[in-house]
C-alpha atoms as a PDB file:
ATOM      1  CA  GLU A   1     109.988  92.666 129.399  1.00  0.00           C
ATOM      2  CA  TYR A   2     112.776  90.372 130.428  1.00  0.00           C
ATOM      3  CA  TYR A   3     115.805  89.440 128.237  1.00  0.00           C
ATOM      4  CA  LYS A   4     115.677  86.016 126.696  1.00  0.00           C
ATOM      5  CA  GLU A   5     118.520  84.381 124.799  1.00  0.00           C
ATOM      6  CA  TYR A   6     116.484  84.093 121.496  1.00  0.00           C
ATOM      7  CA  MET A   7     116.391  87.866 121.511  1.00  0.00           C
ATOM      8  CA  GLN A   8     119.994  88.066 121.040  1.00  0.00           C
ATOM      9  CA  GLN A   9     119.878  85.497 118.130  1.00  0.00           C
ATOM     10  CA  ASP A  10     117.010  87.392 116.498  1.00  0.00           C
ATOM     11  CA  LEU A  11     119.217  90.548 116.434  1.00  0.00           C
ATOM     12  CA  VAL A  12     122.198  88.709 115.102  1.00  0.00           C
ATOM     13  CA  GLU A  13     120.020  87.263 112.109  1.00  0.00           C
ATOM     14  CA  GLN A  14     118.451  90.710 111.470  1.00  0.00           C
ATOM     15  CA  GLN A  15     121.889  92.418 111.423  1.00  0.00           C
ATOM     16  CA  GLN A  16     123.143  89.745 109.066  1.00  0.00           C
ATOM     17  CA  ILE A  17     120.158  90.351 106.666  1.00  0.00           C
ATOM     18  CA  ILE A  18     120.816  94.055 106.619  1.00  0.00           C
ATOM     19  CA  TYR A  19     124.600  93.479 106.066  1.00  0.00           C
ATOM     20  CA  GLU A  20     123.917  91.260 103.126  1.00  0.00           C
ATOM     21  CA  MET A  21     120.956  93.056 101.436  1.00  0.00           C
ATOM     22  CA  ARG A  22     122.708  95.338  99.087  1.00  0.00           C
ATOM     23  CA  ASP A  23     125.127  92.699  97.738  1.00  0.00           C
ATOM     24  CA  ALA A  24     122.116  90.421  97.375  1.00  0.00           C
ATOM     25  CA  LEU A  25     120.365  93.078  95.239  1.00  0.00           C
ATOM     26  CA  GLY A  26     123.526  93.734  93.136  1.00  0.00           C
ATOM     27  CA  CYS A  27     124.126  90.029  92.226  1.00  0.00           C
ATOM     28  CA  GLY A  28     120.451  89.236  91.499  1.00  0.00           C
ATOM     29  CA  GLN A  29     119.553  87.065  94.593  1.00  0.00           C
ATOM     30  CA  PHE A  30     116.236  88.591  94.767  1.00  0.00           C
ATOM     31  CA  GLU A  31     113.992  86.837  92.286  1.00  0.00           C
ATOM     32  CA  PRO A  32     110.526  87.554  90.888  1.00  0.00           C
ATOM     33  CA  TRP A  33     108.281  84.538  91.307  1.00  0.00           C
ATOM     34  CA  PHE A  34     104.836  84.433  89.796  1.00  0.00           C
ATOM     35  CA  GLN A  35     101.725  83.034  91.440  1.00  0.00           C
ATOM     36  CA  PRO A  36      99.333  82.166  88.515  1.00  0.00           C
ATOM     37  CA  GLN A  37      95.678  83.408  88.477  1.00  0.00           C
ATOM     38  CA  TYR A  38      92.992  81.302  86.875  1.00  0.00           C
ATOM     39  CA  ASN A  39      89.517  81.638  85.551  1.00  0.00           C
ATOM     40  CA  HIS A  40      87.850  78.785  87.373  1.00  0.00           C
ATOM     41  CA  ALA A  41      85.110  78.600  84.907  1.00  0.00           C
ATOM     42  CA  THR A  42      87.445  78.210  81.884  1.00  0.00           C
ATOM     43  CA  GLY A  43      90.599  76.808  83.466  1.00  0.00           C
ATOM     44  CA  ALA A  44      92.509  79.506  81.584  1.00  0.00           C
ATOM     45  CA  LEU A  45      95.676  81.071  83.092  1.00  0.00           C
ATOM     46  CA  ILE A  46      94.833  84.744  82.922  1.00  0.00           C
ATOM     47  CA  GLY A  47      97.434  86.610  85.113  1.00  0.00           C
ATOM     48  CA  ALA A  48      99.791  86.327  87.947  1.00  0.00           C
ATOM     49  CA  GLU A  49     100.787  88.164  91.205  1.00  0.00           C
ATOM     50  CA  VAL A  50     104.528  88.823  91.155  1.00  0.00           C
ATOM     51  CA  LEU A  51     106.281  88.147  94.632  1.00  0.00           C
ATOM     52  CA  VAL A  52     109.916  88.461  95.759  1.00  0.00           C
ATOM     53  CA  ARG A  53     112.021  85.397  96.738  1.00  0.00           C
ATOM     54  CA  TRP A  54     115.513  85.695  98.129  1.00  0.00           C
ATOM     55  CA  ASN A  55     117.760  82.948  96.754  1.00  0.00           C
ATOM     56  CA  LYS A  56     120.759  82.981  98.965  1.00  0.00           C
ATOM     57  CA  ASN A  57     123.218  80.692  97.324  1.00  0.00           C
ATOM     58  CA  GLY A  58     120.593  77.914  96.794  1.00  0.00           C
ATOM     59  CA  THR A  59     118.805  78.456 100.052  1.00  0.00           C
ATOM     60  CA  TYR A  60     115.579  80.428  99.980  1.00  0.00           C
ATOM     61  CA  VAL A  61     115.111  82.943 102.965  1.00  0.00           C
ATOM     62  CA  PRO A  62     111.296  83.102 103.805  1.00  0.00           C
ATOM     63  CA  PRO A  63     109.848  86.604 102.922  1.00  0.00           C
ATOM     64  CA  ASN A  64     108.586  87.194 106.438  1.00  0.00           C
ATOM     65  CA  GLU A  65     112.108  87.064 107.669  1.00  0.00           C
ATOM     66  CA  PHE A  66     113.251  89.865 105.475  1.00  0.00           C
ATOM     67  CA  VAL A  67     110.335  92.007 104.145  1.00  0.00           C
ATOM     68  CA  PRO A  68     109.453  93.597 107.508  1.00  0.00           C
ATOM     69  CA  ILE A  69     113.070  94.565 108.118  1.00  0.00           C
ATOM     70  CA  PHE A  70     113.330  96.148 104.742  1.00  0.00           C
ATOM     71  CA  GLU A  71     110.144  98.052 105.464  1.00  0.00           C
ATOM     72  CA  ARG A  72     111.692  99.356 108.721  1.00  0.00           C
ATOM     73  CA  ASN A  73     115.033 100.454 107.335  1.00  0.00           C
ATOM     74  CA  GLY A  74     113.756 101.714 103.892  1.00  0.00           C
ATOM     75  CA  PHE A  75     115.487  99.158 101.722  1.00  0.00           C
ATOM     76  CA  ILE A  76     111.976  97.994 100.601  1.00  0.00           C
ATOM     77  CA  TYR A  77     112.074 100.997  98.100  1.00  0.00           C
ATOM     78  CA  GLU A  78     115.090  99.567  96.144  1.00  0.00           C
ATOM     79  CA  MET A  79     113.884  95.951  96.322  1.00  0.00           C
ATOM     80  CA  ASP A  80     110.399  96.665  95.168  1.00  0.00           C
ATOM     81  CA  LYS A  81     111.628  98.887  92.201  1.00  0.00           C
ATOM     82  CA  TYR A  82     113.975  95.936  91.192  1.00  0.00           C
ATOM     83  CA  ILE A  83     110.899  93.473  91.326  1.00  0.00           C
ATOM     84  CA  TRP A  84     108.629  95.879  89.402  1.00  0.00           C
ATOM     85  CA  GLU A  85     111.320  96.265  86.897  1.00  0.00           C
ATOM     86  CA  GLN A  86     111.622  92.610  86.418  1.00  0.00           C
ATOM     87  CA  ALA A  87     107.794  92.317  85.864  1.00  0.00           C
ATOM     88  CA  CYS A  88     108.067  95.044  83.171  1.00  0.00           C
ATOM     89  CA  LYS A  89     110.974  93.222  81.609  1.00  0.00           C
ATOM     90  CA  ALA A  90     108.977  90.011  81.493  1.00  0.00           C
ATOM     91  CA  VAL A  91     106.065  91.642  79.736  1.00  0.00           C
ATOM     92  CA  ARG A  92     108.465  93.148  77.277  1.00  0.00           C
ATOM     93  CA  LYS A  93     109.784  89.793  76.567  1.00  0.00           C
ATOM     94  CA  TRP A  94     106.417  88.173  75.940  1.00  0.00           C
ATOM     95  CA  ILE A  95     105.448  91.032  73.496  1.00  0.00           C
ATOM     96  CA  ASP A  96     108.698  90.481  71.606  1.00  0.00           C
ATOM     97  CA  MET A  97     107.962  86.812  71.437  1.00  0.00           C
ATOM     98  CA  GLY A  98     104.694  87.577  69.693  1.00  0.00           C
ATOM     99  CA  ARG A  99     102.655  86.518  72.741  1.00  0.00           C
ATOM    100  CA  GLU A 100      99.716  88.198  74.250  1.00  0.00           C
ATOM    101  CA  PRO A 101     100.952  89.052  77.746  1.00  0.00           C
ATOM    102  CA  VAL A 102      98.850  88.062  80.875  1.00  0.00           C
ATOM    103  CA  THR A 103      98.352  90.629  83.466  1.00  0.00           C
ATOM    104  CA  ILE A 104     100.799  91.051  86.192  1.00  0.00           C
ATOM    105  CA  SER A 105      99.959  92.499  89.520  1.00  0.00           C
ATOM    106  CA  ILE A 106     102.686  94.097  91.709  1.00  0.00           C
ATOM    107  CA  ASN A 107     102.622  94.826  95.352  1.00  0.00           C
ATOM    108  CA  ILE A 108     102.803  98.340  96.463  1.00  0.00           C
ATOM    109  CA  SER A 109     104.216  98.377 100.051  1.00  0.00           C
ATOM    110  CA  ARG A 110     102.555 100.787 102.583  1.00  0.00           C
ATOM    111  CA  VAL A 111     105.893 102.505 102.888  1.00  0.00           C
ATOM    112  CA  HIS A 112     105.693 103.566  99.173  1.00  0.00           C
ATOM    113  CA  LEU A 113     102.410 105.142  99.824  1.00  0.00           C
ATOM    114  CA  ASP A 114     104.002 107.692 102.247  1.00  0.00           C
ATOM    115  CA  SER A 115     106.563 108.667  99.573  1.00  0.00           C
ATOM    116  CA  ASP A 116     106.191 111.470  96.920  1.00  0.00           C
ATOM    117  CA  ASP A 117     107.967 109.766  94.007  1.00  0.00           C
ATOM    118  CA  PHE A 118     107.070 105.936  93.663  1.00  0.00           C
ATOM    119  CA  ILE A 119     104.378 106.615  90.986  1.00  0.00           C
ATOM    120  CA  GLY A 120     106.988 108.452  88.924  1.00  0.00           C
ATOM    121  CA  LYS A 121     109.315 105.629  89.295  1.00  0.00           C
ATOM    122  CA  LEU A 122     106.563 103.123  88.219  1.00  0.00           C
ATOM    123  CA  ASN A 123     105.661 105.294  85.216  1.00  0.00           C
ATOM    124  CA  ALA A 124     109.320 105.482  84.262  1.00  0.00           C
ATOM    125  CA  LEU A 125     109.628 101.705  84.053  1.00  0.00           C
ATOM    126  CA  ILE A 126     106.518 101.393  82.039  1.00  0.00           C
ATOM    127  CA  LYS A 127     108.061 103.972  79.609  1.00  0.00           C
ATOM    128  CA  LYS A 128     111.557 102.333  79.763  1.00  0.00           C
ATOM    129  CA  TYR A 129     110.245  98.928  78.535  1.00  0.00           C
ATOM    130  CA  ASP A 130     107.627 100.448  76.294  1.00  0.00           C
ATOM    131  CA  ILE A 131     104.751  98.327  77.447  1.00  0.00           C
ATOM    132  CA  PRO A 132     101.066  99.072  77.580  1.00  0.00           C
ATOM    133  CA  GLN A 133     100.106 100.029  81.143  1.00  0.00           C
ATOM    134  CA  LYS A 134      97.099  97.713  81.233  1.00  0.00           C
ATOM    135  CA  TYR A 135      99.510  94.689  81.726  1.00  0.00           C
ATOM    136  CA  ILE A 136     100.719  96.135  85.064  1.00  0.00           C
ATOM    137  CA  GLU A 137      98.254  96.248  87.901  1.00  0.00           C
ATOM    138  CA  THR A 138      98.936  97.443  91.487  1.00  0.00           C
ATOM    139  CA  GLU A 139      98.046  95.634  94.697  1.00  0.00           C
ATOM    140  CA  ILE A 140      97.574  97.572  97.926  1.00  0.00           C
ATOM    141  CA  THR A 141      96.706  96.057 101.352  1.00  0.00           C
ATOM    142  CA  GLU A 142      93.260  96.922 102.623  1.00  0.00           C
ATOM    143  CA  THR A 143      94.463  97.968 106.067  1.00  0.00           C
ATOM    144  CA  VAL A 144      96.382 100.877 104.844  1.00  0.00           C
ATOM    145  CA  GLU A 145      94.326 103.912 105.782  1.00  0.00           C
ATOM    146  CA  ASN A 146      95.454 107.472 106.210  1.00  0.00           C
ATOM    147  CA  PRO A 147      95.188 110.680 104.388  1.00  0.00           C
ATOM    148  CA  ARG A 148      98.571 110.274 102.772  1.00  0.00           C
ATOM    149  CA  THR A 149      97.992 106.843 101.571  1.00  0.00           C
ATOM    150  CA  GLU A 150      94.433 107.503 100.368  1.00  0.00           C
ATOM    151  CA  ASN A 151      95.883 110.368  98.242  1.00  0.00           C
ATOM    152  CA  ALA A 152      98.553 108.059  96.887  1.00  0.00           C
ATOM    153  CA  VAL A 153      95.843 105.616  95.852  1.00  0.00           C
ATOM    154  CA  ARG A 154      93.841 108.161  94.239  1.00  0.00           C
ATOM    155  CA  GLU A 155      96.881 109.340  92.321  1.00  0.00           C
ATOM    156  CA  LEU A 156      97.557 105.812  91.102  1.00  0.00           C
ATOM    157  CA  LYS A 157      94.039 105.755  89.800  1.00  0.00           C
ATOM    158  CA  ASP A 158      94.490 109.188  88.001  1.00  0.00           C
ATOM    159  CA  ASN A 159      97.521 107.730  86.442  1.00  0.00           C
ATOM    160  CA  GLY A 160      95.660 105.129  84.806  1.00  0.00           C
ATOM    161  CA  TYR A 161      96.529 101.990  86.976  1.00  0.00           C
ATOM    162  CA  VAL A 162      94.052  99.208  87.797  1.00  0.00           C
ATOM    163  CA  LEU A 163      93.816  99.024  91.585  1.00  0.00           C
ATOM    164  CA  LEU A 164      93.603  95.721  93.459  1.00  0.00           C
ATOM    165  CA  MET A 165      92.544  95.817  97.149  1.00  0.00           C
ATOM    166  CA  ASP A 166      94.727  93.128  98.760  1.00  0.00           C
ATOM    167  CA  ASP A 167      93.606  91.099 101.865  1.00  0.00           C
ATOM    168  CA  PHE A 168      89.877  92.161 101.736  1.00  0.00           C
ATOM    169  CA  GLY A 169      88.166  90.924 104.865  1.00  0.00           C
ATOM    170  CA  SER A 170      91.310  91.040 107.016  1.00  0.00           C
ATOM    171  CA  GLY A 171      90.500  94.424 108.467  1.00  0.00           C
ATOM    172  CA  TYR A 172      87.644  96.007 110.220  1.00  0.00           C
ATOM    173  CA  SER A 173      86.182  98.408 107.690  1.00  0.00           C
ATOM    174  CA  SER A 174      85.791  96.157 104.786  1.00  0.00           C
ATOM    175  CA  LEU A 175      82.209  97.157 104.031  1.00  0.00           C
ATOM    176  CA  ASN A 176      82.716 100.848 104.770  1.00  0.00           C
ATOM    177  CA  THR A 177      85.616 100.984 102.246  1.00  0.00           C
ATOM    178  CA  LEU A 178      83.390  99.765  99.435  1.00  0.00           C
ATOM    179  CA  LYS A 179      81.033 102.683  99.377  1.00  0.00           C
ATOM    180  CA  SER A 180      83.427 105.140  97.900  1.00  0.00           C
ATOM    181  CA  THR A 181      86.505 102.992  96.970  1.00  0.00           C
ATOM    182  CA  PRO A 182      88.607 103.805  93.950  1.00  0.00           C
ATOM    183  CA  PHE A 183      89.707 100.281  93.749  1.00  0.00           C
ATOM    184  CA  ASP A 184      88.765  98.205  90.600  1.00  0.00           C
ATOM    185  CA  VAL A 185      89.217  94.721  92.059  1.00  0.00           C
ATOM    186  CA  ILE A 186      88.730  93.184  95.398  1.00  0.00           C
ATOM    187  CA  LYS A 187      91.074  90.247  96.463  1.00  0.00           C
ATOM    188  CA  ILE A 188      89.338  88.189  99.049  1.00  0.00           C
ATOM    189  CA  ASP A 189      91.776  87.242 101.897  1.00  0.00           C
ATOM    190  CA  ARG A 190      92.316  83.518 102.307  1.00  0.00           C
ATOM    191  CA  ALA A 191      91.660  83.566 106.058  1.00  0.00           C
ATOM    192  CA  PHE A 192      88.469  85.346 105.487  1.00  0.00           C
ATOM    193  CA  PHE A 193      86.669  82.874 103.266  1.00  0.00           C
ATOM    194  CA  SER A 194      88.369  79.756 104.707  1.00  0.00           C
ATOM    195  CA  GLU A 195      87.049  80.655 108.254  1.00  0.00           C
ATOM    196  CA  PHE A 196      83.593  81.850 107.078  1.00  0.00           C
ATOM    197  CA  MET A 197      83.076  78.558 104.976  1.00  0.00           C
ATOM    198  CA  LEU A 198      82.988  76.582 108.311  1.00  0.00           C
ATOM    199  CA  SER A 199      79.385  77.581 108.742  1.00  0.00           C
ATOM    200  CA  GLU A 200      76.321  78.181 106.758  1.00  0.00           C
ATOM    201  CA  ARG A 201      75.917  81.792 108.124  1.00  0.00           C
ATOM    202  CA  GLY A 202      79.488  82.446 107.020  1.00  0.00           C
ATOM    203  CA  LYS A 203      79.012  81.138 103.602  1.00  0.00           C
ATOM    204  CA  LYS A 204      75.991  83.470 103.131  1.00  0.00           C
ATOM    205  CA  ILE A 205      78.048  86.370 104.207  1.00  0.00           C
ATOM    206  CA  ILE A 206      80.758  85.400 101.528  1.00  0.00           C
ATOM    207  CA  ALA A 207      78.073  84.972  98.796  1.00  0.00           C
ATOM    208  CA  HIS A 208      76.362  88.269  99.622  1.00  0.00           C
ATOM    209  CA  THR A 209      79.805  90.132  99.782  1.00  0.00           C
ATOM    210  CA  ILE A 210      80.628  88.813  96.314  1.00  0.00           C
ATOM    211  CA  ALA A 211      77.240  89.645  94.941  1.00  0.00           C
ATOM    212  CA  MET A 212      77.337  93.104  96.419  1.00  0.00           C
ATOM    213  CA  SER A 213      80.729  93.875  95.266  1.00  0.00           C
ATOM    214  CA  LYS A 214      79.861  92.720  91.741  1.00  0.00           C
ATOM    215  CA  ASP A 215      76.626  94.868  91.695  1.00  0.00           C
ATOM    216  CA  ILE A 216      78.802  98.074  92.291  1.00  0.00           C
ATOM    217  CA  GLY A 217      81.028  97.118  89.586  1.00  0.00           C
ATOM    218  CA  LEU A 218      83.991  95.646  91.382  1.00  0.00           C
ATOM    219  CA  ASP A 219      85.776  92.473  90.096  1.00  0.00           C
ATOM    220  CA  MET A 220      86.800  89.795  92.633  1.00  0.00           C
ATOM    221  CA  VAL A 221      89.787  87.537  92.987  1.00  0.00           C
ATOM    222  CA  ALA A 222      90.020  84.896  95.598  1.00  0.00           C
ATOM    223  CA  GLU A 223      93.617  84.218  96.863  1.00  0.00           C
ATOM    224  CA  GLY A 224      94.691  81.270  98.900  1.00  0.00           C
ATOM    225  CA  VAL A 225      92.411  78.697  97.459  1.00  0.00           C
ATOM    226  CA  GLU A 226      93.550  75.362  98.579  1.00  0.00           C
ATOM    227  CA  THR A 227      90.632  72.955  98.231  1.00  0.00           C
ATOM    228  CA  LYS A 228      88.260  71.996  95.366  1.00  0.00           C
ATOM    229  CA  GLU A 229      85.424  72.638  97.913  1.00  0.00           C
ATOM    230  CA  GLN A 230      86.491  76.232  98.204  1.00  0.00           C
ATOM    231  CA  ALA A 231      86.871  76.687  94.389  1.00  0.00           C
ATOM    232  CA  SER A 232      83.588  75.099  93.679  1.00  0.00           C
ATOM    233  CA  PHE A 233      81.842  77.290  96.375  1.00  0.00           C
ATOM    234  CA  LEU A 234      83.470  80.507  95.033  1.00  0.00           C
ATOM    235  CA  SER A 235      82.504  79.771  91.452  1.00  0.00           C
ATOM    236  CA  GLN A 236      78.885  79.140  92.495  1.00  0.00           C
ATOM    237  CA  CYS A 237      78.983  82.586  94.238  1.00  0.00           C
ATOM    238  CA  GLY A 238      80.219  84.243  91.007  1.00  0.00           C
ATOM    239  CA  CYS A 239      83.835  84.646  91.893  1.00  0.00           C
ATOM    240  CA  ASP A 240      85.645  82.819  88.963  1.00  0.00           C
ATOM    241  CA  THR A 241      89.250  84.326  89.266  1.00  0.00           C
ATOM    242  CA  VAL A 242      91.297  82.492  91.759  1.00  0.00           C
ATOM    243  CA  GLN A 243      94.888  81.964  92.864  1.00  0.00           C
ATOM    244  CA  GLY A 244      96.139  79.541  95.411  1.00  0.00           C
ATOM    245  CA  PHE A 245      97.975  76.185  96.072  1.00  0.00           C
ATOM    246  CA  LEU A 246      95.113  74.315  94.486  1.00  0.00           C
ATOM    247  CA  TYR A 247      96.250  75.647  91.165  1.00  0.00           C
ATOM    248  CA  SER A 248      99.759  76.535  91.694  1.00  0.00           C
ATOM    249  CA  LYS A 249     102.250  77.755  94.223  1.00  0.00           C
ATOM    250  CA  PRO A 250     104.375  80.839  93.278  1.00  0.00           C
ATOM    251  CA  VAL A 251     106.934  79.556  90.531  1.00  0.00           C
ATOM    252  CA  PRO A 252     110.107  81.139  88.929  1.00  0.00           C
ATOM    253  CA  LEU A 253     109.798  83.130  85.692  1.00  0.00           C
ATOM    254  CA  ALA A 254     110.947  80.180  83.497  1.00  0.00           C
ATOM    255  CA  GLU A 255     108.336  77.744  84.933  1.00  0.00           C
ATOM    256  CA  PHE A 256     105.596  80.387  84.779  1.00  0.00           C
ATOM    257  CA  GLU A 257     106.379  80.920  81.068  1.00  0.00           C
ATOM    258  CA  LYS A 258     105.981  77.327  80.451  1.00  0.00           C
ATOM    259  CA  MET A 259     102.629  77.386  82.211  1.00  0.00           C
ATOM    260  CA  ALA A 260     101.367  80.480  80.475  1.00  0.00           C
ATOM    261  CA  TYR A 261     102.949  79.981  76.868  1.00  0.00           C
ATOM    262  CA  GLY A 262     104.392  76.432  76.805  1.00  0.00           C
ATOM    263  CA  ALA A 263     107.677  78.171  76.073  1.00  0.00           C
END
């Protein structure tokens, strides 16, 4: 591989991110944003996936520019724990307001699955804010497969967490994972259904995948829904829980609360 000028620029930008990350965490620049999930059949807002956004003095750094770096250098542990805590804090706030909280799903990085104490940290946050565990669900990417991560998934299940398999359809073992999966909910990958909807054969594959998953007791969520055609087709197939730009982009906490509670 030959050196190119852009490589030096990439290194400089990465080092700048690493230099700034701890101060950014300390002064609250990492913000929890919520992408609403809707029941397509009723139009009701029923939950949200919490995501991280880096507000750097009014300019937002794209997640794909800092999350991979944090996964490599281990800072993802601290940032994720902070976002998890913000989600728990939000649920506590809604309970104190006398509202029925919607379910919030948090992302569990593959890095956490190789550690020994992340479940203890998550349990401690649930206890700290004294919230029912049912309001915090865990999302894990389908492509994470090795004995240690499988054990971590089982331990999450044993600890009573609802498990969502994120990005279903993005890997090569999707059907194989269904036969003995501990997961409770399958999140259909946007690229999977948007590509397969381009042909009648593809649509049949989607329909049968949804039907098969429901037959074995798995709930379904379609993510990345961007068109009314996609939403209508998914509803016809029996997948009513959806999230995507057709309904809402990820929004800050205050805006999400207005959407969910009118507050």
